[in-house]
Amino acid sequence: MNTLVQSYGPPPGPLAVRIKEPSMGLFYWVVTRLGTQEYAGEAKVEASDHPYPTHEAAMQAGVACMKALKTQAPASL
């Protein structure tokens, strides 16, 4: 009998944190999953819902989120 394995979310690939500054002095973090093939782009996984006052504060929050996402990732089959 054949069984199908369901996968959720974007395809596997390394996570990255990006910092965006849409307005002067307002920093947002975005966690993206990099594509596993050369032509594949990045897929947004999570993003901050409020601005941070400094680039460093946004980076620390984004890295904390990325670490939490990595611990929640299901084990590979």
N, C-alpha and C. Protein backbone atom coordinates (compact mmCIF):
# COMPACT_ATOMS: atom_id res chain seq x y z
N MET A 1 0.84 -1.17 0.00
CA MET A 1 0.00 0.00 0.00
C MET A 1 0.89 1.24 0.00
N ASN A 2 0.52 2.21 -0.81
CA ASN A 2 1.25 3.48 -0.87
C ASN A 2 0.73 4.43 0.20
N THR A 3 1.64 5.16 0.80
CA THR A 3 1.24 6.19 1.75
C THR A 3 1.81 7.51 1.30
N LEU A 4 1.07 8.57 1.52
CA LEU A 4 1.52 9.90 1.16
C LEU A 4 1.94 10.63 2.43
N VAL A 5 3.03 11.35 2.34
CA VAL A 5 3.49 12.16 3.45
C VAL A 5 3.12 13.60 3.16
N GLN A 6 2.35 14.22 4.06
CA GLN A 6 1.98 15.62 3.86
C GLN A 6 3.11 16.51 4.33
N SER A 7 3.33 17.56 3.61
CA SER A 7 4.30 18.56 4.05
C SER A 7 3.59 19.89 4.13
N TYR A 8 3.96 20.69 5.08
CA TYR A 8 3.35 21.99 5.30
C TYR A 8 4.40 23.07 5.15
N GLY A 9 3.96 24.23 4.69
CA GLY A 9 4.87 25.36 4.56
C GLY A 9 5.70 25.29 3.31
N PRO A 10 6.64 26.22 3.19
CA PRO A 10 7.48 26.26 2.00
C PRO A 10 8.45 25.09 1.98
N PRO A 11 9.00 24.77 0.83
CA PRO A 11 9.94 23.65 0.75
C PRO A 11 11.14 23.87 1.65
N PRO A 12 11.80 22.78 2.05
CA PRO A 12 12.93 22.92 2.97
C PRO A 12 14.05 23.76 2.37
N GLY A 13 14.72 24.46 3.21
CA GLY A 13 15.83 25.30 2.81
C GLY A 13 16.29 26.07 4.03
N PRO A 14 17.45 26.68 3.97
CA PRO A 14 17.95 27.42 5.13
C PRO A 14 17.13 28.67 5.41
N LEU A 15 17.04 29.02 6.68
CA LEU A 15 16.34 30.23 7.10
C LEU A 15 17.31 31.40 7.16
N ALA A 16 16.78 32.59 6.94
CA ALA A 16 17.59 33.81 7.02
C ALA A 16 16.75 34.91 7.65
N VAL A 17 17.40 35.86 8.30
CA VAL A 17 16.73 37.02 8.87
C VAL A 17 17.12 38.24 8.05
N ARG A 18 16.12 38.99 7.64
CA ARG A 18 16.34 40.24 6.91
C ARG A 18 15.76 41.38 7.74
N ILE A 19 16.40 42.52 7.71
CA ILE A 19 15.90 43.70 8.40
C ILE A 19 15.49 44.72 7.35
N LYS A 20 14.28 45.24 7.51
CA LYS A 20 13.77 46.25 6.58
C LYS A 20 13.51 47.54 7.35
N GLU A 21 13.75 48.67 6.68
CA GLU A 21 13.52 49.98 7.28
C GLU A 21 12.66 50.80 6.31
N PRO A 22 11.32 50.56 6.34
CA PRO A 22 10.46 51.27 5.40
C PRO A 22 10.35 52.76 5.68
N SER A 23 10.53 53.15 6.93
CA SER A 23 10.54 54.56 7.32
C SER A 23 11.78 54.80 8.17
N MET A 24 12.32 55.98 8.11
CA MET A 24 13.53 56.31 8.84
C MET A 24 13.36 56.00 10.34
N GLY A 25 14.23 55.12 10.87
CA GLY A 25 14.22 54.80 12.29
C GLY A 25 13.23 53.75 12.73
N LEU A 26 12.50 53.13 11.80
CA LEU A 26 11.56 52.06 12.12
C LEU A 26 12.02 50.78 11.43
N PHE A 27 12.45 49.81 12.24
CA PHE A 27 13.05 48.59 11.71
C PHE A 27 12.13 47.39 11.95
N TYR A 28 11.97 46.57 10.93
CA TYR A 28 11.17 45.35 11.01
C TYR A 28 12.04 44.17 10.62
N TRP A 29 11.82 43.02 11.25
CA TRP A 29 12.55 41.81 10.86
C TRP A 29 11.63 40.92 10.04
N VAL A 30 12.22 40.15 9.15
CA VAL A 30 11.50 39.18 8.34
C VAL A 30 12.35 37.91 8.29
N VAL A 31 11.74 36.78 8.65
CA VAL A 31 12.43 35.49 8.52
C VAL A 31 11.99 34.90 7.18
N THR A 32 12.96 34.54 6.36
CA THR A 32 12.68 33.94 5.06
C THR A 32 13.32 32.57 4.96
N ARG A 33 12.76 31.77 4.09
CA ARG A 33 13.33 30.46 3.79
C ARG A 33 13.89 30.55 2.39
N LEU A 34 15.18 30.28 2.27
CA LEU A 34 15.84 30.35 0.97
C LEU A 34 15.47 29.15 0.12
N GLY A 35 15.31 29.37 -1.17
CA GLY A 35 15.01 28.27 -2.08
C GLY A 35 16.17 27.30 -2.17
N THR A 36 15.86 26.04 -2.42
CA THR A 36 16.91 25.02 -2.50
C THR A 36 17.50 24.91 -3.89
N GLN A 37 16.88 25.57 -4.88
CA GLN A 37 17.41 25.54 -6.24
C GLN A 37 17.84 26.94 -6.63
N GLU A 38 18.77 27.04 -7.54
CA GLU A 38 19.35 28.33 -7.92
C GLU A 38 18.32 29.36 -8.34
N TYR A 39 17.33 28.97 -9.10
CA TYR A 39 16.36 29.92 -9.62
C TYR A 39 15.24 30.24 -8.62
N ALA A 40 15.17 29.50 -7.53
CA ALA A 40 14.12 29.74 -6.54
C ALA A 40 14.47 30.96 -5.69
N GLY A 41 13.48 31.73 -5.36
CA GLY A 41 13.69 32.92 -4.53
C GLY A 41 13.53 32.59 -3.06
N GLU A 42 13.16 33.59 -2.31
CA GLU A 42 12.94 33.44 -0.88
C GLU A 42 11.44 33.43 -0.60
N ALA A 43 11.04 32.70 0.43
CA ALA A 43 9.64 32.68 0.85
C ALA A 43 9.56 33.23 2.27
N LYS A 44 8.67 34.20 2.48
CA LYS A 44 8.49 34.78 3.82
C LYS A 44 7.89 33.72 4.73
N VAL A 45 8.48 33.56 5.92
CA VAL A 45 8.00 32.59 6.90
C VAL A 45 7.31 33.31 8.05
N GLU A 46 7.95 34.30 8.62
CA GLU A 46 7.41 35.12 9.72
C GLU A 46 7.93 36.54 9.57
N ALA A 47 7.23 37.48 10.20
CA ALA A 47 7.68 38.88 10.18
C ALA A 47 7.18 39.58 11.43
N SER A 48 7.90 40.62 11.83
CA SER A 48 7.48 41.38 13.00
C SER A 48 6.21 42.15 12.68
N ASP A 49 5.36 42.32 13.71
CA ASP A 49 4.13 43.06 13.51
C ASP A 49 4.21 44.48 14.07
N HIS A 50 5.38 44.83 14.59
CA HIS A 50 5.59 46.18 15.09
C HIS A 50 7.05 46.57 14.85
N PRO A 51 7.32 47.86 14.77
CA PRO A 51 8.70 48.30 14.50
C PRO A 51 9.57 48.27 15.74
N TYR A 52 10.87 48.21 15.52
CA TYR A 52 11.88 48.27 16.57
C TYR A 52 12.67 49.56 16.37
N PRO A 53 13.17 50.15 17.47
CA PRO A 53 13.83 51.45 17.36
C PRO A 53 15.23 51.41 16.75
N THR A 54 15.87 50.22 16.75
CA THR A 54 17.21 50.11 16.19
C THR A 54 17.32 48.85 15.32
N HIS A 55 18.29 48.87 14.44
CA HIS A 55 18.58 47.72 13.60
C HIS A 55 18.94 46.52 14.48
N GLU A 56 19.75 46.75 15.50
CA GLU A 56 20.21 45.68 16.38
C GLU A 56 19.06 45.03 17.13
N ALA A 57 18.11 45.83 17.63
CA ALA A 57 16.96 45.29 18.35
C ALA A 57 16.10 44.42 17.43
N ALA A 58 15.90 44.88 16.20
CA ALA A 58 15.13 44.09 15.24
C ALA A 58 15.86 42.79 14.90
N MET A 59 17.18 42.86 14.74
CA MET A 59 17.96 41.66 14.42
C MET A 59 17.88 40.65 15.56
N GLN A 60 18.00 41.10 16.80
CA GLN A 60 17.92 40.18 17.94
C GLN A 60 16.56 39.49 17.99
N ALA A 61 15.49 40.23 17.78
CA ALA A 61 14.16 39.64 17.79
C ALA A 61 13.97 38.67 16.63
N GLY A 62 14.47 39.03 15.46
CA GLY A 62 14.37 38.15 14.30
C GLY A 62 15.14 36.86 14.48
N VAL A 63 16.33 36.95 15.05
CA VAL A 63 17.14 35.75 15.29
C VAL A 63 16.46 34.86 16.32
N ALA A 64 15.86 35.45 17.35
CA ALA A 64 15.13 34.66 18.35
C ALA A 64 13.97 33.91 17.70
N CYS A 65 13.25 34.57 16.81
CA CYS A 65 12.16 33.92 16.10
C CYS A 65 12.68 32.79 15.22
N MET A 66 13.78 33.04 14.51
CA MET A 66 14.36 32.02 13.64
C MET A 66 14.77 30.79 14.45
N LYS A 67 15.38 30.99 15.61
CA LYS A 67 15.77 29.87 16.46
C LYS A 67 14.55 29.08 16.93
N ALA A 68 13.48 29.79 17.29
CA ALA A 68 12.25 29.11 17.71
C ALA A 68 11.66 28.29 16.56
N LEU A 69 11.70 28.83 15.35
CA LEU A 69 11.18 28.10 14.20
C LEU A 69 12.00 26.84 13.94
N LYS A 70 13.32 26.93 14.12
CA LYS A 70 14.17 25.77 13.89
C LYS A 70 13.89 24.66 14.90
N THR A 71 13.56 25.02 16.13
CA THR A 71 13.27 23.99 17.14
C THR A 71 11.92 23.37 16.92
N GLN A 72 11.01 24.05 16.21
CA GLN A 72 9.67 23.53 15.93
C GLN A 72 9.64 22.68 14.67
N ALA A 73 10.69 22.73 13.87
CA ALA A 73 10.71 22.02 12.59
C ALA A 73 10.63 20.52 12.82
N PRO A 74 9.76 19.82 12.06
CA PRO A 74 9.67 18.37 12.20
C PRO A 74 10.95 17.68 11.73
N ALA A 75 11.23 16.56 12.30
CA ALA A 75 12.42 15.79 11.92
C ALA A 75 12.29 15.28 10.50
N SER A 76 13.37 15.26 9.76
CA SER A 76 13.36 14.76 8.38
C SER A 76 13.17 13.25 8.38
N LEU A 77 12.47 12.79 7.35
CA LEU A 77 12.26 11.35 7.21
C LEU A 77 13.37 10.72 6.45
